[in-house]
Amino acid sequence: MFAELTKRLGALLVSTEDHEREAFLASSADLADLEHRMKIVETHANPARWYASSTPHEWRT
């Protein structure tokens, strides 16, 4: 029972990090920006938390 709960919680945390990484990459302006962001993802532990936000760019003031 505990092992199953741990496995599900771990999967939830991984999917959150994956979602943040995908949002960071998806918010790139063009191909060059995407390539730059891909290099950042490869070289840093968690760059998505630095740049990504769940708020769309149009809503920010």
PDB file of N, CA and C in Angstrom:
ATOM      1  N   MET A   1       0.822  -1.196   0.000  1.00  0.00           N
ATOM      2  CA  MET A   1       0.000   0.000   0.000  1.00  0.00           C
ATOM      3  C   MET A   1       0.862   1.255   0.000  1.00  0.00           C
ATOM      4  N   PHE A   2       1.831   1.321   0.923  1.00  0.00           N
ATOM      5  CA  PHE A   2       2.711   2.491   1.020  1.00  0.00           C
ATOM      6  C   PHE A   2       3.568   2.628  -0.234  1.00  0.00           C
ATOM      7  N   ALA A   3       4.017   1.512  -0.771  1.00  0.00           N
ATOM      8  CA  ALA A   3       4.836   1.552  -1.982  1.00  0.00           C
ATOM      9  C   ALA A   3       4.040   2.120  -3.162  1.00  0.00           C
ATOM     10  N   GLU A   4       2.787   1.737  -3.267  1.00  0.00           N
ATOM     11  CA  GLU A   4       1.933   2.250  -4.349  1.00  0.00           C
ATOM     12  C   GLU A   4       1.708   3.749  -4.199  1.00  0.00           C
ATOM     13  N   LEU A   5       1.471   4.213  -2.978  1.00  0.00           N
ATOM     14  CA  LEU A   5       1.276   5.634  -2.719  1.00  0.00           C
ATOM     15  C   LEU A   5       2.542   6.425  -3.060  1.00  0.00           C
ATOM     16  N   THR A   6       3.689   5.911  -2.673  1.00  0.00           N
ATOM     17  CA  THR A   6       4.957   6.559  -2.972  1.00  0.00           C
ATOM     18  C   THR A   6       5.185   6.634  -4.481  1.00  0.00           C
ATOM     19  N   LYS A   7       4.859   5.562  -5.160  1.00  0.00           N
ATOM     20  CA  LYS A   7       5.020   5.529  -6.612  1.00  0.00           C
ATOM     21  C   LYS A   7       4.123   6.560  -7.291  1.00  0.00           C
ATOM     22  N   ARG A   8       2.885   6.673  -6.856  1.00  0.00           N
ATOM     23  CA  ARG A   8       1.950   7.639  -7.446  1.00  0.00           C
ATOM     24  C   ARG A   8       2.357   9.077  -7.144  1.00  0.00           C
ATOM     25  N   LEU A   9       2.797   9.340  -5.929  1.00  0.00           N
ATOM     26  CA  LEU A   9       3.252  10.692  -5.592  1.00  0.00           C
ATOM     27  C   LEU A   9       4.496  11.066  -6.397  1.00  0.00           C
ATOM     28  N   GLY A  10       5.396  10.123  -6.559  1.00  0.00           N
ATOM     29  CA  GLY A  10       6.591  10.364  -7.376  1.00  0.00           C
ATOM     30  C   GLY A  10       6.230  10.660  -8.817  1.00  0.00           C
ATOM     31  N   ALA A  11       5.272   9.938  -9.354  1.00  0.00           N
ATOM     32  CA  ALA A  11       4.834  10.179 -10.727  1.00  0.00           C
ATOM     33  C   ALA A  11       4.193  11.552 -10.858  1.00  0.00           C
ATOM     34  N   LEU A  12       3.463  11.982  -9.850  1.00  0.00           N
ATOM     35  CA  LEU A  12       2.835  13.297  -9.870  1.00  0.00           C
ATOM     36  C   LEU A  12       3.892  14.398  -9.877  1.00  0.00           C
ATOM     37  N   LEU A  13       4.918  14.262  -9.069  1.00  0.00           N
ATOM     38  CA  LEU A  13       5.977  15.262  -9.016  1.00  0.00           C
ATOM     39  C   LEU A  13       6.768  15.322 -10.316  1.00  0.00           C
ATOM     40  N   VAL A  14       7.043  14.181 -10.888  1.00  0.00           N
ATOM     41  CA  VAL A  14       7.762  14.139 -12.159  1.00  0.00           C
ATOM     42  C   VAL A  14       6.931  14.788 -13.251  1.00  0.00           C
ATOM     43  N   SER A  15       5.652  14.498 -13.285  1.00  0.00           N
ATOM     44  CA  SER A  15       4.815  15.070 -14.329  1.00  0.00           C
ATOM     45  C   SER A  15       4.703  16.587 -14.177  1.00  0.00           C
ATOM     46  N   THR A  16       4.748  17.101 -12.949  1.00  0.00           N
ATOM     47  CA  THR A  16       4.733  18.543 -12.740  1.00  0.00           C
ATOM     48  C   THR A  16       5.998  19.169 -13.298  1.00  0.00           C
ATOM     49  N   GLU A  17       7.146  18.571 -13.033  1.00  0.00           N
ATOM     50  CA  GLU A  17       8.403  19.076 -13.573  1.00  0.00           C
ATOM     51  C   GLU A  17       8.413  18.983 -15.091  1.00  0.00           C
ATOM     52  N   ASP A  18       7.884  17.897 -15.631  1.00  0.00           N
ATOM     53  CA  ASP A  18       7.792  17.750 -17.082  1.00  0.00           C
ATOM     54  C   ASP A  18       6.897  18.834 -17.670  1.00  0.00           C
ATOM     55  N   HIS A  19       5.788  19.102 -17.006  1.00  0.00           N
ATOM     56  CA  HIS A  19       4.855  20.124 -17.482  1.00  0.00           C
ATOM     57  C   HIS A  19       5.530  21.497 -17.493  1.00  0.00           C
ATOM     58  N   GLU A  20       6.261  21.823 -16.439  1.00  0.00           N
ATOM     59  CA  GLU A  20       6.961  23.109 -16.379  1.00  0.00           C
ATOM     60  C   GLU A  20       8.011  23.210 -17.484  1.00  0.00           C
ATOM     61  N   ARG A  21       8.734  22.123 -17.721  1.00  0.00           N
ATOM     62  CA  ARG A  21       9.751  22.121 -18.778  1.00  0.00           C
ATOM     63  C   ARG A  21       9.106  22.299 -20.142  1.00  0.00           C
ATOM     64  N   GLU A  22       8.001  21.593 -20.378  1.00  0.00           N
ATOM     65  CA  GLU A  22       7.303  21.710 -21.655  1.00  0.00           C
ATOM     66  C   GLU A  22       6.733  23.120 -21.847  1.00  0.00           C
ATOM     67  N   ALA A  23       6.217  23.723 -20.779  1.00  0.00           N
ATOM     68  CA  ALA A  23       5.696  25.090 -20.880  1.00  0.00           C
ATOM     69  C   ALA A  23       6.818  26.072 -21.200  1.00  0.00           C
ATOM     70  N   PHE A  24       7.975  25.863 -20.586  1.00  0.00           N
ATOM     71  CA  PHE A  24       9.143  26.711 -20.854  1.00  0.00           C
ATOM     72  C   PHE A  24       9.547  26.615 -22.316  1.00  0.00           C
ATOM     73  N   LEU A  25       9.597  25.406 -22.844  1.00  0.00           N
ATOM     74  CA  LEU A  25       9.988  25.227 -24.246  1.00  0.00           C
ATOM     75  C   LEU A  25       8.890  25.726 -25.190  1.00  0.00           C
ATOM     76  N   ALA A  26       7.643  25.498 -24.848  1.00  0.00           N
ATOM     77  CA  ALA A  26       6.540  25.903 -25.723  1.00  0.00           C
ATOM     78  C   ALA A  26       6.377  27.412 -25.808  1.00  0.00           C
ATOM     79  N   SER A  27       6.870  28.135 -24.820  1.00  0.00           N
ATOM     80  CA  SER A  27       6.713  29.585 -24.843  1.00  0.00           C
ATOM     81  C   SER A  27       7.806  30.284 -25.649  1.00  0.00           C
ATOM     82  N   SER A  28       8.621  29.522 -26.352  1.00  0.00           N
ATOM     83  CA  SER A  28       9.669  30.133 -27.173  1.00  0.00           C
ATOM     84  C   SER A  28       9.042  30.881 -28.345  1.00  0.00           C
ATOM     85  N   ALA A  29       9.710  31.959 -28.751  1.00  0.00           N
ATOM     86  CA  ALA A  29       9.173  32.834 -29.794  1.00  0.00           C
ATOM     87  C   ALA A  29       9.413  32.292 -31.197  1.00  0.00           C
ATOM     88  N   ASP A  30      10.547  31.641 -31.400  1.00  0.00           N
ATOM     89  CA  ASP A  30      10.874  31.126 -32.723  1.00  0.00           C
ATOM     90  C   ASP A  30      11.838  29.947 -32.571  1.00  0.00           C
ATOM     91  N   LEU A  31      12.293  29.420 -33.685  1.00  0.00           N
ATOM     92  CA  LEU A  31      13.160  28.245 -33.654  1.00  0.00           C
ATOM     93  C   LEU A  31      14.477  28.523 -32.942  1.00  0.00           C
ATOM     94  N   ALA A  32      15.058  29.692 -33.172  1.00  0.00           N
ATOM     95  CA  ALA A  32      16.319  30.030 -32.505  1.00  0.00           C
ATOM     96  C   ALA A  32      16.131  30.105 -30.995  1.00  0.00           C
ATOM     97  N   ASP A  33      15.022  30.694 -30.559  1.00  0.00           N
ATOM     98  CA  ASP A  33      14.726  30.773 -29.134  1.00  0.00           C
ATOM     99  C   ASP A  33      14.498  29.381 -28.559  1.00  0.00           C
ATOM    100  N   LEU A  34      13.812  28.521 -29.301  1.00  0.00           N
ATOM    101  CA  LEU A  34      13.590  27.147 -28.860  1.00  0.00           C
ATOM    102  C   LEU A  34      14.920  26.416 -28.688  1.00  0.00           C
ATOM    103  N   GLU A  35      15.823  26.559 -29.651  1.00  0.00           N
ATOM    104  CA  GLU A  35      17.128  25.907 -29.551  1.00  0.00           C
ATOM    105  C   GLU A  35      17.898  26.422 -28.342  1.00  0.00           C
ATOM    106  N   HIS A  36      17.824  27.734 -28.100  1.00  0.00           N
ATOM    107  CA  HIS A  36      18.503  28.320 -26.934  1.00  0.00           C
ATOM    108  C   HIS A  36      17.919  27.746 -25.639  1.00  0.00           C
ATOM    109  N   ARG A  37      16.607  27.675 -25.574  1.00  0.00           N
ATOM    110  CA  ARG A  37      15.958  27.126 -24.376  1.00  0.00           C
ATOM    111  C   ARG A  37      16.282  25.645 -24.189  1.00  0.00           C
ATOM    112  N   MET A  38      16.391  24.900 -25.289  1.00  0.00           N
ATOM    113  CA  MET A  38      16.751  23.485 -25.180  1.00  0.00           C
ATOM    114  C   MET A  38      18.152  23.336 -24.588  1.00  0.00           C
ATOM    115  N   LYS A  39      19.076  24.213 -24.971  1.00  0.00           N
ATOM    116  CA  LYS A  39      20.417  24.174 -24.387  1.00  0.00           C
ATOM    117  C   LYS A  39      20.366  24.487 -22.902  1.00  0.00           C
ATOM    118  N   ILE A  40      19.528  25.452 -22.521  1.00  0.00           N
ATOM    119  CA  ILE A  40      19.385  25.786 -21.099  1.00  0.00           C
ATOM    120  C   ILE A  40      18.857  24.578 -20.330  1.00  0.00           C
ATOM    121  N   VAL A  41      17.851  23.919 -20.882  1.00  0.00           N
ATOM    122  CA  VAL A  41      17.272  22.739 -20.211  1.00  0.00           C
ATOM    123  C   VAL A  41      18.327  21.656 -20.040  1.00  0.00           C
ATOM    124  N   GLU A  42      19.167  21.460 -21.061  1.00  0.00           N
ATOM    125  CA  GLU A  42      20.189  20.416 -20.995  1.00  0.00           C
ATOM    126  C   GLU A  42      21.282  20.727 -19.980  1.00  0.00           C
ATOM    127  N   THR A  43      21.584  22.012 -19.762  1.00  0.00           N
ATOM    128  CA  THR A  43      22.731  22.369 -18.922  1.00  0.00           C
ATOM    129  C   THR A  43      22.378  22.784 -17.500  1.00  0.00           C
ATOM    130  N   HIS A  44      21.114  23.060 -17.219  1.00  0.00           N
ATOM    131  CA  HIS A  44      20.719  23.491 -15.881  1.00  0.00           C
ATOM    132  C   HIS A  44      19.769  22.474 -15.265  1.00  0.00           C
ATOM    133  N   ALA A  45      19.777  22.450 -13.945  1.00  0.00           N
ATOM    134  CA  ALA A  45      18.978  21.459 -13.227  1.00  0.00           C
ATOM    135  C   ALA A  45      17.480  21.666 -13.425  1.00  0.00           C
ATOM    136  N   ASN A  46      17.002  22.889 -13.262  1.00  0.00           N
ATOM    137  CA  ASN A  46      15.565  23.124 -13.384  1.00  0.00           C
ATOM    138  C   ASN A  46      15.289  24.545 -13.870  1.00  0.00           C
ATOM    139  N   PRO A  47      15.630  24.875 -15.110  1.00  0.00           N
ATOM    140  CA  PRO A  47      15.457  26.243 -15.603  1.00  0.00           C
ATOM    141  C   PRO A  47      14.002  26.632 -15.795  1.00  0.00           C
ATOM    142  N   ALA A  48      13.128  25.665 -15.927  1.00  0.00           N
ATOM    143  CA  ALA A  48      11.723  25.987 -16.182  1.00  0.00           C
ATOM    144  C   ALA A  48      11.145  26.808 -15.042  1.00  0.00           C
ATOM    145  N   ARG A  49      11.568  26.572 -13.825  1.00  0.00           N
ATOM    146  CA  ARG A  49      11.052  27.326 -12.684  1.00  0.00           C
ATOM    147  C   ARG A  49      11.502  28.780 -12.737  1.00  0.00           C
ATOM    148  N   TRP A  50      12.606  29.062 -13.421  1.00  0.00           N
ATOM    149  CA  TRP A  50      13.089  30.435 -13.519  1.00  0.00           C
ATOM    150  C   TRP A  50      12.276  31.237 -14.507  1.00  0.00           C
ATOM    151  N   TYR A  51      11.835  30.617 -15.594  1.00  0.00           N
ATOM    152  CA  TYR A  51      11.239  31.354 -16.691  1.00  0.00           C
ATOM    153  C   TYR A  51       9.760  31.103 -16.893  1.00  0.00           C
ATOM    154  N   ALA A  52       9.295  29.924 -16.657  1.00  0.00           N
ATOM    155  CA  ALA A  52       7.919  29.566 -16.995  1.00  0.00           C
ATOM    156  C   ALA A  52       6.949  30.086 -15.945  1.00  0.00           C
ATOM    157  N   SER A  53       5.786  30.374 -16.392  1.00  0.00           N
ATOM    158  CA  SER A  53       4.704  30.764 -15.497  1.00  0.00           C
ATOM    159  C   SER A  53       3.418  30.178 -16.049  1.00  0.00           C
ATOM    160  N   SER A  54       2.496  29.873 -15.162  1.00  0.00           N
ATOM    161  CA  SER A  54       1.225  29.335 -15.620  1.00  0.00           C
ATOM    162  C   SER A  54       0.332  30.437 -16.176  1.00  0.00           C
ATOM    163  N   THR A  55       0.699  31.702 -15.944  1.00  0.00           N
ATOM    164  CA  THR A  55      -0.078  32.826 -16.446  1.00  0.00           C
ATOM    165  C   THR A  55       0.345  33.135 -17.876  1.00  0.00           C
ATOM    166  N   PRO A  56      -0.580  33.177 -18.816  1.00  0.00           N
ATOM    167  CA  PRO A  56      -0.228  33.506 -20.190  1.00  0.00           C
ATOM    168  C   PRO A  56       0.405  34.888 -20.294  1.00  0.00           C
ATOM    169  N   HIS A  57       1.282  35.068 -21.264  1.00  0.00           N
ATOM    170  CA  HIS A  57       1.976  36.338 -21.440  1.00  0.00           C
ATOM    171  C   HIS A  57       1.001  37.498 -21.621  1.00  0.00           C
ATOM    172  N   GLU A  58      -0.137  37.274 -22.279  1.00  0.00           N
ATOM    173  CA  GLU A  58      -1.089  38.334 -22.542  1.00  0.00           C
ATOM    174  C   GLU A  58      -1.733  38.865 -21.259  1.00  0.00           C
ATOM    175  N   TRP A  59      -1.771  38.057 -20.213  1.00  0.00           N
ATOM    176  CA  TRP A  59      -2.429  38.453 -18.976  1.00  0.00           C
ATOM    177  C   TRP A  59      -1.512  39.199 -18.036  1.00  0.00           C
ATOM    178  N   ARG A  60      -0.209  39.131 -18.269  1.00  0.00           N
ATOM    179  CA  ARG A  60       0.740  39.771 -17.362  1.00  0.00           C
ATOM    180  C   ARG A  60       0.739  41.268 -17.566  1.00  0.00           C
ATOM    181  N   THR A  61       0.959  42.004 -16.469  1.00  0.00           N
ATOM    182  CA  THR A  61       1.011  43.459 -16.570  1.00  0.00           C
ATOM    183  C   THR A  61       2.385  43.977 -16.290  1.00  0.00           C
TER     184      THR A  61
END
